[in-house]
Amino acid sequence: MSVGSFRNLLALPHLLVGSKMADMPSIYWSLNYWPVEADR
């Protein structure tokens, strides 16, 4: 099981290269990051 964290967001620009705008939400949620839990 993957645990999401703020550090995973550093990969987002690299994952979005060559993808379509419609793919962005799926790629973002695949990082398993939930902003509400960022204060932990």
C-alpha atoms as a PDB file:
ATOM      1  CA  MET A   1       0.000   0.000   0.000  1.00  0.00           C
ATOM      2  CA  SER A   2       1.326   3.376  -0.977  1.00  0.00           C
ATOM      3  CA  VAL A   3       1.151   6.252   1.480  1.00  0.00           C
ATOM      4  CA  GLY A   4       0.716   9.653  -0.087  1.00  0.00           C
ATOM      5  CA  SER A   5       2.738  12.616   1.040  1.00  0.00           C
ATOM      6  CA  PHE A   6       3.619  16.115  -0.022  1.00  0.00           C
ATOM      7  CA  ARG A   7       6.961  14.835  -1.351  1.00  0.00           C
ATOM      8  CA  ASN A   8       5.126  12.776  -3.981  1.00  0.00           C
ATOM      9  CA  LEU A   9       3.943  16.016  -5.581  1.00  0.00           C
ATOM     10  CA  LEU A  10       7.504  16.718  -6.729  1.00  0.00           C
ATOM     11  CA  ALA A  11       7.004  13.997  -9.342  1.00  0.00           C
ATOM     12  CA  LEU A  12       3.857  15.633 -10.749  1.00  0.00           C
ATOM     13  CA  PRO A  13       5.546  17.889 -13.364  1.00  0.00           C
ATOM     14  CA  HIS A  14       7.483  14.899 -14.702  1.00  0.00           C
ATOM     15  CA  LEU A  15       4.380  12.713 -14.841  1.00  0.00           C
ATOM     16  CA  LEU A  16       2.415  15.361 -16.735  1.00  0.00           C
ATOM     17  CA  VAL A  17       4.902  15.686 -19.608  1.00  0.00           C
ATOM     18  CA  GLY A  18       3.180  14.557 -22.789  1.00  0.00           C
ATOM     19  CA  SER A  19      -0.191  13.944 -21.144  1.00  0.00           C
ATOM     20  CA  LYS A  20      -3.480  15.594 -21.976  1.00  0.00           C
ATOM     21  CA  MET A  21      -5.193  18.112 -19.696  1.00  0.00           C
ATOM     22  CA  ALA A  22      -8.031  15.630 -19.130  1.00  0.00           C
ATOM     23  CA  ASP A  23      -5.517  13.135 -17.691  1.00  0.00           C
ATOM     24  CA  MET A  24      -4.303  15.534 -14.993  1.00  0.00           C
ATOM     25  CA  PRO A  25      -6.892  14.634 -12.299  1.00  0.00           C
ATOM     26  CA  SER A  26      -6.213  10.911 -12.718  1.00  0.00           C
ATOM     27  CA  ILE A  27      -2.464  11.420 -12.492  1.00  0.00           C
ATOM     28  CA  TYR A  28      -2.827  13.681  -9.443  1.00  0.00           C
ATOM     29  CA  TRP A  29      -5.050  11.217  -7.570  1.00  0.00           C
ATOM     30  CA  SER A  30      -2.758   8.325  -8.476  1.00  0.00           C
ATOM     31  CA  LEU A  31      -0.154   9.949  -6.190  1.00  0.00           C
ATOM     32  CA  ASN A  32      -2.526   9.210  -3.296  1.00  0.00           C
ATOM     33  CA  TYR A  33      -2.111  12.710  -1.827  1.00  0.00           C
ATOM     34  CA  TRP A  34      -4.979  14.161   0.170  1.00  0.00           C
ATOM     35  CA  PRO A  35      -4.407  17.872   0.954  1.00  0.00           C
ATOM     36  CA  VAL A  36      -6.597  17.747   4.071  1.00  0.00           C
ATOM     37  CA  GLU A  37      -4.080  15.378   5.673  1.00  0.00           C
ATOM     38  CA  ALA A  38      -1.145  17.707   4.919  1.00  0.00           C
ATOM     39  CA  ASP A  39      -1.138  19.100   8.449  1.00  0.00           C
ATOM     40  CA  ARG A  40      -0.111  15.782  10.000  1.00  0.00           C
END
